[in-house]
PDB file of N, CA and C in Angstrom:
ATOM      1  N   UNK A   1       0.737  -1.108   0.047  1.00  0.00           N
ATOM      2  CA  UNK A   1       0.003  -0.223   0.071  1.00  0.00           C
ATOM      3  C   UNK A   1       0.771   1.232   0.073  1.00  0.00           C
ATOM      4  N   UNK A   2       0.286   2.522  -0.794  1.00  0.00           N
ATOM      5  CA  UNK A   2       1.112   3.573  -0.812  1.00  0.00           C
ATOM      6  C   UNK A   2       0.587   4.725  -0.112  1.00  0.00           C
ATOM      7  N   UNK A   3       1.264   5.498   0.788  1.00  0.00           N
ATOM      8  CA  UNK A   3       0.677   6.734   0.978  1.00  0.00           C
ATOM      9  C   UNK A   3      -0.096   7.538   0.289  1.00  0.00           C
ATOM     10  N   UNK A   4      -0.623   8.711   0.488  1.00  0.00           N
ATOM     11  CA  UNK A   4      -1.311   9.666  -0.460  1.00  0.00           C
ATOM     12  C   UNK A   4      -0.394  10.442  -0.871  1.00  0.00           C
ATOM     13  N   UNK A   5       0.432  10.915  -0.101  1.00  0.00           N
ATOM     14  CA  UNK A   5       1.540  11.764  -0.462  1.00  0.00           C
ATOM     15  C   UNK A   5       2.425  11.212  -1.199  1.00  0.00           C
ATOM     16  N   UNK A   6       2.727   9.691  -1.287  1.00  0.00           N
ATOM     17  CA  UNK A   6       3.497   9.319  -1.898  1.00  0.00           C
ATOM     18  C   UNK A   6       3.246   9.077  -3.380  1.00  0.00           C
ATOM     19  N   UNK A   7       1.945   8.704  -3.348  1.00  0.00           N
ATOM     20  CA  UNK A   7       0.968   8.764  -4.503  1.00  0.00           C
ATOM     21  C   UNK A   7       1.288   9.940  -5.239  1.00  0.00           C
ATOM     22  N   UNK A   8       0.955  10.860  -4.578  1.00  0.00           N
ATOM     23  CA  UNK A   8       1.121  12.550  -5.265  1.00  0.00           C
ATOM     24  C   UNK A   8       2.152  12.806  -6.136  1.00  0.00           C
ATOM     25  N   UNK A   9       3.663  12.657  -5.275  1.00  0.00           N
ATOM     26  CA  UNK A   9       4.662  12.616  -5.871  1.00  0.00           C
ATOM     27  C   UNK A   9       5.043  11.886  -6.861  1.00  0.00           C
ATOM     28  N   UNK A  10       4.694  10.321  -6.845  1.00  0.00           N
ATOM     29  CA  UNK A  10       4.848   9.767  -8.116  1.00  0.00           C
ATOM     30  C   UNK A  10       4.251  10.179  -9.360  1.00  0.00           C
ATOM     31  N   UNK A  11       3.154  10.377  -8.945  1.00  0.00           N
ATOM     32  CA  UNK A  11       2.420  11.163 -10.310  1.00  0.00           C
ATOM     33  C   UNK A  11       2.606  12.227 -10.567  1.00  0.00           C
ATOM     34  N   UNK A  12       2.922  13.366  -9.827  1.00  0.00           N
ATOM     35  CA  UNK A  12       3.393  14.595 -10.290  1.00  0.00           C
ATOM     36  C   UNK A  12       4.931  14.198 -10.960  1.00  0.00           C
ATOM     37  N   UNK A  13       5.436  13.304 -10.752  1.00  0.00           N
ATOM     38  CA  UNK A  13       7.224  13.376 -10.885  1.00  0.00           C
ATOM     39  C   UNK A  13       6.760  12.690 -12.377  1.00  0.00           C
ATOM     40  N   UNK A  14       5.644  11.680 -12.795  1.00  0.00           N
ATOM     41  CA  UNK A  14       5.670  11.217 -14.263  1.00  0.00           C
ATOM     42  C   UNK A  14       6.514   9.997 -14.375  1.00  0.00           C
ATOM     43  N   UNK A  15       7.129   9.628 -13.317  1.00  0.00           N
ATOM     44  CA  UNK A  15       8.449   8.328 -13.810  1.00  0.00           C
ATOM     45  C   UNK A  15       7.863   7.323 -13.572  1.00  0.00           C
ATOM     46  N   UNK A  16       6.920   7.173 -12.884  1.00  0.00           N
ATOM     47  CA  UNK A  16       6.209   5.678 -12.869  1.00  0.00           C
ATOM     48  C   UNK A  16       4.844   5.674 -13.062  1.00  0.00           C
ATOM     49  N   UNK A  17       4.229   4.458 -13.547  1.00  0.00           N
ATOM     50  CA  UNK A  17       2.753   4.208 -13.963  1.00  0.00           C
ATOM     51  C   UNK A  17       1.824   3.965 -12.691  1.00  0.00           C
ATOM     52  N   UNK A  18       1.218   5.076 -12.070  1.00  0.00           N
ATOM     53  CA  UNK A  18       0.645   5.033 -10.866  1.00  0.00           C
ATOM     54  C   UNK A  18      -0.761   3.888 -10.715  1.00  0.00           C
ATOM     55  N   UNK A  19      -0.742   3.456 -12.250  1.00  0.00           N
ATOM     56  CA  UNK A  19      -2.036   2.256 -12.198  1.00  0.00           C
ATOM     57  C   UNK A  19      -2.256   1.248 -11.346  1.00  0.00           C
ATOM     58  N   UNK A  20      -0.887   0.686 -11.300  1.00  0.00           N
ATOM     59  CA  UNK A  20      -0.467  -0.209 -10.583  1.00  0.00           C
ATOM     60  C   UNK A  20      -0.476  -0.368  -8.950  1.00  0.00           C
ATOM     61  N   UNK A  21      -1.008   0.892  -8.479  1.00  0.00           N
ATOM     62  CA  UNK A  21      -1.520   1.283  -7.349  1.00  0.00           C
ATOM     63  C   UNK A  21      -2.883   0.945  -6.975  1.00  0.00           C
ATOM     64  N   UNK A  22      -3.745   0.970  -7.947  1.00  0.00           N
ATOM     65  CA  UNK A  22      -4.978   1.226  -7.891  1.00  0.00           C
ATOM     66  C   UNK A  22      -5.585  -0.298  -8.473  1.00  0.00           C
ATOM     67  N   UNK A  23      -6.698  -0.799  -7.317  1.00  0.00           N
ATOM     68  CA  UNK A  23      -7.506  -2.203  -7.657  1.00  0.00           C
ATOM     69  C   UNK A  23      -8.770  -1.829  -8.720  1.00  0.00           C
ATOM     70  N   UNK A  24      -8.328  -1.925  -9.741  1.00  0.00           N
ATOM     71  CA  UNK A  24      -9.748  -1.428 -10.976  1.00  0.00           C
ATOM     72  C   UNK A  24     -10.577  -2.701 -11.324  1.00  0.00           C
ATOM     73  N   UNK A  25     -10.135  -3.771 -10.911  1.00  0.00           N
ATOM     74  CA  UNK A  25     -10.769  -4.913 -10.865  1.00  0.00           C
ATOM     75  C   UNK A  25     -12.133  -5.040 -10.072  1.00  0.00           C
ATOM     76  N   UNK A  26     -11.956  -4.343  -8.662  1.00  0.00           N
ATOM     77  CA  UNK A  26     -12.728  -4.200  -7.627  1.00  0.00           C
ATOM     78  C   UNK A  26     -13.374  -3.311  -7.433  1.00  0.00           C
ATOM     79  N   UNK A  27     -13.436  -2.176  -8.171  1.00  0.00           N
ATOM     80  CA  UNK A  27     -14.037  -0.951  -8.270  1.00  0.00           C
ATOM     81  C   UNK A  27     -15.877  -1.074  -7.845  1.00  0.00           C
ATOM     82  N   UNK A  28     -16.197  -0.077  -6.760  1.00  0.00           N
ATOM     83  CA  UNK A  28     -17.561   0.017  -6.548  1.00  0.00           C
ATOM     84  C   UNK A  28     -17.766   1.147  -6.628  1.00  0.00           C
ATOM     85  N   UNK A  29     -19.021   1.532  -6.953  1.00  0.00           N
ATOM     86  CA  UNK A  29     -19.701   2.793  -6.944  1.00  0.00           C
ATOM     87  C   UNK A  29     -20.862   2.737  -5.987  1.00  0.00           C
ATOM     88  N   UNK A  30     -20.902   3.095  -4.775  1.00  0.00           N
ATOM     89  CA  UNK A  30     -21.911   3.098  -4.105  1.00  0.00           C
ATOM     90  C   UNK A  30     -23.028   3.878  -4.249  1.00  0.00           C
ATOM     91  N   UNK A  31     -24.258   3.117  -4.508  1.00  0.00           N
ATOM     92  CA  UNK A  31     -25.566   3.987  -4.677  1.00  0.00           C
ATOM     93  C   UNK A  31     -25.819   3.857  -6.096  1.00  0.00           C
ATOM     94  N   UNK A  32     -25.100   3.297  -7.056  1.00  0.00           N
ATOM     95  CA  UNK A  32     -25.087   2.781  -8.299  1.00  0.00           C
ATOM     96  C   UNK A  32     -25.450   1.422  -8.422  1.00  0.00           C
ATOM     97  N   UNK A  33     -25.755   0.543  -7.545  1.00  0.00           N
ATOM     98  CA  UNK A  33     -25.918  -0.982  -7.472  1.00  0.00           C
ATOM     99  C   UNK A  33     -27.494  -1.076  -8.344  1.00  0.00           C
ATOM    100  N   UNK A  34     -27.091  -1.945  -9.538  1.00  0.00           N
ATOM    101  CA  UNK A  34     -28.546  -1.901 -10.075  1.00  0.00           C
ATOM    102  C   UNK A  34     -29.835  -2.443  -9.022  1.00  0.00           C
ATOM    103  N   UNK A  35     -30.872  -2.249  -9.191  1.00  0.00           N
ATOM    104  CA  UNK A  35     -32.107  -2.922  -8.683  1.00  0.00           C
ATOM    105  C   UNK A  35     -33.117  -2.912 -10.093  1.00  0.00           C
ATOM    106  N   UNK A  36     -33.788  -4.058  -9.660  1.00  0.00           N
ATOM    107  CA  UNK A  36     -34.858  -4.281 -10.722  1.00  0.00           C
ATOM    108  C   UNK A  36     -36.374  -3.819 -10.374  1.00  0.00           C
ATOM    109  N   UNK A  37     -37.184  -3.267 -11.115  1.00  0.00           N
ATOM    110  CA  UNK A  37     -38.459  -2.806 -10.950  1.00  0.00           C
ATOM    111  C   UNK A  37     -39.047  -3.859 -12.535  1.00  0.00           C
ATOM    112  N   UNK A  38     -40.438  -4.098 -11.887  1.00  0.00           N
ATOM    113  CA  UNK A  38     -41.468  -4.549 -12.619  1.00  0.00           C
ATOM    114  C   UNK A  38     -42.608  -3.636 -12.913  1.00  0.00           C
ATOM    115  N   UNK A  39     -43.047  -3.656 -14.511  1.00  0.00           N
ATOM    116  CA  UNK A  39     -43.620  -2.614 -14.868  1.00  0.00           C
ATOM    117  C   UNK A  39     -44.506  -3.165 -15.591  1.00  0.00           C
ATOM    118  N   UNK A  40     -46.050  -2.695 -15.905  1.00  0.00           N
ATOM    119  CA  UNK A  40     -47.249  -3.042 -16.422  1.00  0.00           C
ATOM    120  C   UNK A  40     -47.418  -1.916 -17.334  1.00  0.00           C
ATOM    121  N   UNK A  41     -47.242  -2.111 -18.635  1.00  0.00           N
ATOM    122  CA  UNK A  41     -47.935  -0.824 -19.776  1.00  0.00           C
ATOM    123  C   UNK A  41     -48.853  -1.707 -20.270  1.00  0.00           C
ATOM    124  N   UNK A  42     -49.867  -0.519 -20.676  1.00  0.00           N
ATOM    125  CA  UNK A  42     -51.114  -0.916 -21.746  1.00  0.00           C
ATOM    126  C   UNK A  42     -50.536  -1.390 -22.961  1.00  0.00           C
ATOM    127  N   UNK A  43     -50.964  -2.056 -23.865  1.00  0.00           N
ATOM    128  CA  UNK A  43     -50.439  -2.960 -25.302  1.00  0.00           C
ATOM    129  C   UNK A  43     -50.003  -1.927 -26.166  1.00  0.00           C
ATOM    130  N   UNK A  44     -50.651  -0.980 -26.302  1.00  0.00           N
ATOM    131  CA  UNK A  44     -50.299  -0.027 -27.494  1.00  0.00           C
ATOM    132  C   UNK A  44     -49.020   0.835 -26.958  1.00  0.00           C
ATOM    133  N   UNK A  45     -48.799   0.889 -25.614  1.00  0.00           N
ATOM    134  CA  UNK A  45     -47.561   1.585 -25.382  1.00  0.00           C
ATOM    135  C   UNK A  45     -46.530   0.658 -25.403  1.00  0.00           C
ATOM    136  N   UNK A  46     -46.679  -0.645 -24.979  1.00  0.00           N
ATOM    137  CA  UNK A  46     -45.725  -1.907 -25.487  1.00  0.00           C
ATOM    138  C   UNK A  46     -45.182  -1.642 -26.809  1.00  0.00           C
ATOM    139  N   UNK A  47     -46.164  -1.427 -27.557  1.00  0.00           N
ATOM    140  CA  UNK A  47     -46.238  -1.924 -28.983  1.00  0.00           C
ATOM    141  C   UNK A  47     -45.472  -0.830 -29.420  1.00  0.00           C
ATOM    142  N   UNK A  48     -45.712   0.407 -28.955  1.00  0.00           N
ATOM    143  CA  UNK A  48     -44.735   1.491 -29.540  1.00  0.00           C
ATOM    144  C   UNK A  48     -43.231   1.538 -29.131  1.00  0.00           C
ATOM    145  N   UNK A  49     -42.827   0.677 -27.765  1.00  0.00           N
ATOM    146  CA  UNK A  49     -41.694   0.709 -27.608  1.00  0.00           C
ATOM    147  C   UNK A  49     -41.014  -0.279 -28.373  1.00  0.00           C
ATOM    148  N   UNK A  50     -41.935  -1.142 -28.506  1.00  0.00           N
ATOM    149  CA  UNK A  50     -41.105  -2.337 -29.769  1.00  0.00           C
ATOM    150  C   UNK A  50     -40.755  -1.809 -31.111  1.00  0.00           C
ATOM    151  N   UNK A  51     -41.706  -1.008 -31.434  1.00  0.00           N
ATOM    152  CA  UNK A  51     -41.255  -0.564 -32.916  1.00  0.00           C
ATOM    153  C   UNK A  51     -40.240   0.392 -32.960  1.00  0.00           C
ATOM    154  N   UNK A  52     -40.086   1.323 -31.732  1.00  0.00           N
ATOM    155  CA  UNK A  52     -38.812   2.187 -31.425  1.00  0.00           C
ATOM    156  C   UNK A  52     -37.787   1.351 -31.288  1.00  0.00           C
ATOM    157  N   UNK A  53     -37.756  -0.003 -30.688  1.00  0.00           N
ATOM    158  CA  UNK A  53     -36.622  -0.816 -30.478  1.00  0.00           C
ATOM    159  C   UNK A  53     -36.646  -1.345 -31.908  1.00  0.00           C
ATOM    160  N   UNK A  54     -37.184  -1.628 -32.330  1.00  0.00           N
ATOM    161  CA  UNK A  54     -37.085  -2.157 -33.870  1.00  0.00           C
ATOM    162  C   UNK A  54     -36.169  -1.372 -34.753  1.00  0.00           C
ATOM    163  N   UNK A  55     -37.022  -0.196 -35.093  1.00  0.00           N
ATOM    164  CA  UNK A  55     -35.809   0.981 -35.600  1.00  0.00           C
ATOM    165  C   UNK A  55     -34.702   1.510 -35.351  1.00  0.00           C
ATOM    166  N   UNK A  56     -34.452   1.296 -33.849  1.00  0.00           N
ATOM    167  CA  UNK A  56     -33.203   1.497 -33.510  1.00  0.00           C
ATOM    168  C   UNK A  56     -32.224   0.251 -33.352  1.00  0.00           C
ATOM    169  N   UNK A  57     -32.662  -0.770 -33.365  1.00  0.00           N
ATOM    170  CA  UNK A  57     -31.729  -1.881 -33.480  1.00  0.00           C
ATOM    171  C   UNK A  57     -31.701  -2.147 -31.720  1.00  0.00           C
ATOM    172  N   UNK A  58     -32.495  -1.656 -31.064  1.00  0.00           N
ATOM    173  CA  UNK A  58     -32.002  -1.950 -29.557  1.00  0.00           C
ATOM    174  C   UNK A  58     -33.077  -2.703 -28.975  1.00  0.00           C
ATOM    175  N   UNK A  59     -32.701  -3.451 -27.682  1.00  0.00           N
ATOM    176  CA  UNK A  59     -33.853  -4.018 -27.241  1.00  0.00           C
ATOM    177  C   UNK A  59     -34.522  -3.098 -26.104  1.00  0.00           C
ATOM    178  N   UNK A  60     -35.920  -3.460 -26.368  1.00  0.00           N
ATOM    179  CA  UNK A  60     -36.639  -3.023 -25.557  1.00  0.00           C
ATOM    180  C   UNK A  60     -36.052  -2.388 -23.986  1.00  0.00           C
ATOM    181  N   UNK A  61     -35.568  -3.489 -22.932  1.00  0.00           N
ATOM    182  CA  UNK A  61     -35.373  -3.226 -21.940  1.00  0.00           C
ATOM    183  C   UNK A  61     -34.074  -2.345 -21.969  1.00  0.00           C
ATOM    184  N   UNK A  62     -33.342  -1.914 -23.066  1.00  0.00           N
ATOM    185  CA  UNK A  62     -32.040  -1.115 -23.126  1.00  0.00           C
ATOM    186  C   UNK A  62     -32.611   0.452 -23.056  1.00  0.00           C
ATOM    187  N   UNK A  63     -33.891   0.190 -24.432  1.00  0.00           N
ATOM    188  CA  UNK A  63     -34.358   1.381 -24.649  1.00  0.00           C
ATOM    189  C   UNK A  63     -35.177   2.372 -23.577  1.00  0.00           C
ATOM    190  N   UNK A  64     -35.983   1.396 -22.853  1.00  0.00           N
ATOM    191  CA  UNK A  64     -36.552   2.313 -21.639  1.00  0.00           C
ATOM    192  C   UNK A  64     -35.819   2.053 -20.388  1.00  0.00           C
ATOM    193  N   UNK A  65     -33.960   1.313 -20.392  1.00  0.00           N
ATOM    194  CA  UNK A  65     -33.236   1.725 -19.429  1.00  0.00           C
ATOM    195  C   UNK A  65     -32.532   3.116 -19.882  1.00  0.00           C
ATOM    196  N   UNK A  66     -32.855   3.559 -21.100  1.00  0.00           N
ATOM    197  CA  UNK A  66     -31.949   4.686 -21.622  1.00  0.00           C
ATOM    198  C   UNK A  66     -32.851   6.089 -21.411  1.00  0.00           C
ATOM    199  N   UNK A  67     -34.217   5.776 -21.501  1.00  0.00           N
ATOM    200  CA  UNK A  67     -34.871   6.983 -21.342  1.00  0.00           C
ATOM    201  C   UNK A  67     -35.135   7.381 -19.978  1.00  0.00           C
ATOM    202  N   UNK A  68     -34.948   6.265 -19.083  1.00  0.00           N
ATOM    203  CA  UNK A  68     -35.161   6.377 -17.763  1.00  0.00           C
ATOM    204  C   UNK A  68     -34.124   6.988 -16.789  1.00  0.00           C
ATOM    205  N   UNK A  69     -33.029   6.720 -17.521  1.00  0.00           N
ATOM    206  CA  UNK A  69     -31.804   7.330 -16.819  1.00  0.00           C
ATOM    207  C   UNK A  69     -31.616   8.581 -17.580  1.00  0.00           C
ATOM    208  N   UNK A  70     -32.148   9.108 -18.628  1.00  0.00           N
ATOM    209  CA  UNK A  70     -32.116  10.689 -19.037  1.00  0.00           C
ATOM    210  C   UNK A  70     -32.688  11.478 -18.534  1.00  0.00           C
ATOM    211  N   UNK A  71     -34.099  11.048 -18.272  1.00  0.00           N
ATOM    212  CA  UNK A  71     -35.041  11.565 -17.512  1.00  0.00           C
ATOM    213  C   UNK A  71     -34.658  11.809 -15.820  1.00  0.00           C
ATOM    214  N   UNK A  72     -34.000  10.805 -15.333  1.00  0.00           N
ATOM    215  CA  UNK A  72     -33.817  10.579 -13.902  1.00  0.00           C
ATOM    216  C   UNK A  72     -32.435  11.939 -13.915  1.00  0.00           C
ATOM    217  N   UNK A  73     -31.433  11.866 -15.048  1.00  0.00           N
ATOM    218  CA  UNK A  73     -30.530  13.197 -15.025  1.00  0.00           C
ATOM    219  C   UNK A  73     -30.846  14.018 -15.263  1.00  0.00           C
ATOM    220  N   UNK A  74     -31.864  14.690 -15.839  1.00  0.00           N
ATOM    221  CA  UNK A  74     -32.829  15.980 -15.742  1.00  0.00           C
ATOM    222  C   UNK A  74     -33.318  16.292 -14.627  1.00  0.00           C
ATOM    223  N   UNK A  75     -33.697  15.372 -13.914  1.00  0.00           N
ATOM    224  CA  UNK A  75     -34.482  15.753 -12.607  1.00  0.00           C
ATOM    225  C   UNK A  75     -33.541  16.148 -11.458  1.00  0.00           C
ATOM    226  N   UNK A  76     -32.405  15.125 -11.516  1.00  0.00           N
ATOM    227  CA  UNK A  76     -31.264  15.409 -10.665  1.00  0.00           C
ATOM    228  C   UNK A  76     -30.450  16.752 -10.623  1.00  0.00           C
ATOM    229  N   UNK A  77     -30.887  16.944 -11.909  1.00  0.00           N
ATOM    230  CA  UNK A  77     -30.128  18.746 -12.564  1.00  0.00           C
ATOM    231  C   UNK A  77     -30.608  19.829 -12.006  1.00  0.00           C
ATOM    232  N   UNK A  78     -31.932  19.395 -11.815  1.00  0.00           N
ATOM    233  CA  UNK A  78     -32.762  20.520 -11.906  1.00  0.00           C
ATOM    234  C   UNK A  78     -32.836  21.200 -10.371  1.00  0.00           C
TER     235      UNK A  78
END
């Protein structure tokens, strides 16, 4: 393990690759763990999602995830 001030010095001098000091395989993002929900949609809404998914070549699940994420970002930015 390396102390923070030593890591700063090594990074600032640029003589050594500092990536070796980071455990990038076990990175976690607290609060960003995926959770699942189930929703029921009217048939016409689901059909519209399937049409859009077909046009964009995106699975319905990914399309919905993207739309919800975009909306959530706007809500948290406000």
